[in-house]
Structures are given as C-alpha cells and as structure tokens.
Amino acid sequence: MPHDHSEHPHALLPPDPALRVKALETILTGKGLITPGALDEIIDTYQNRIGPQNGADVVARAWSEPEFRKALLEDATPVVADLGYYGRQGEHMVVVENTPEQHNMVVCTLCSCYPWPLLGIPPGWYKSDAYRARAVREPRKVLADFGVTLPEGTAVRVWDSTAEVRYLVLPMRPEGSEGLGREDLARLVTRDSMIGTGLALSPGGAS
C-alpha cells in the first residue's frame, strides 16, 4: 500500500523555506523550548558580532603586518584568540596562504566543520553533498562554478576540516591595494576568499 505522505509531520510545514523556519520557531516557542528574545540575540550575535568581518580583519592585518602574518601562519590559534576570535567551532585554527604557485580551498567532507568565530554561519552550499564530494575530486571545476579561473601553473590544494582542526585561507593581497589602511583592506576580503572559493576584491571593485 503506498505511503501517505500527508501523515508525515513535515507535511504540516509550509513549502517555502522562510515560512517553514517561522512555523518551526512558532512551534518551539509554543512548547517553551526557545524564547523569541533569545533567538533574536543569537541571530544578532552571528550576523553582527561573529561573522566574516572577523576573518576579514585578521586577513587585513596579515596583509599589512609581516610579523603578524608570520605568527599567524606558524600557529594561528593563539594569534586569533588574542584578538578575541575564539570559542566553539574555532578551538584549533590553521591558516593557509594563497600564493601564485598554490591556491588553497577548504571543505569538510564528513559534515560541515567551519570556523564560526571567524566566518560566522556557514553558507548552505558549504554543507551541501555536491560541494563536499566535488571539492576533492574536481576542485578546478568547482572553482570555475564560483567564477574563479586560475593560471595553469597554479596548483590547487584542498584542505579537509575536521572536528579537531578548522582552516582559514589567507587570500593573496590584490594589486593596487598598496597604501590602504586596515579597515579599507578588510573591505576587500570576502567570505568566499577565506574559504578559497573566491578571490579578494580589487580596490575598485569593493563596495
């Protein structure tokens, strides 16, 4: 006898993702499992206080301060912790540097390990089965899907994040950014450039 999908609990939720989230929020609030105030605080924290701007600040400082860059590449965990960027999902950090010879890209093939304190909430595509499988098998094709085409002489290395170690890519500093201050440099750094699926913006392309 065919299964009646209308009996499944998920059938009670609307199809639109935003409406599904709102429905789940209403249900959890009604059961006393969450409060709207606490939920708003969590969202505000990860949108405005914990997010890609933290990682961008680290990259901008590494671009402008050679000694900081050296320390970051040698042992990133205490360096970023000193800046206040630490906590769950960011206990053990490794920073890998892009060069003309090697481009780095980060994936988590087992689940979706991600440096939340530096990059905030992971994008949906990072957690997708397609990205997790293809990033290792065909990294250049994945980069092309993101609009990144590398010179033939540039090797691609894929780093697999785990529950023990999370990676941050230090993108190459774009040409024409000489003389910019740390805040202006940070505006050139995108979330994707710190995952390795993008490049830093050129000074004329930063918004």
Foldseek 3Di string as FASTA:
>chain_A
DDDDCCVDPCVVFDPDPVRNVVVVVVVCVVVVNDDPVVVVVVVCCLVPPAAQLQLLLLLLCVVVPVVSVVVCQVAVQVSSVVVVQDDALANGEHEAEDDLAEFEAEAALPAQRARRSNHGDDDPVRGDNVCSVCCVVPVQVLLVVLVDHHPPNHYYDYDHDDSVYHYWYNADQDPPCPPPDSVLSSQQDDSRVRRRSDHGHDSVPGD
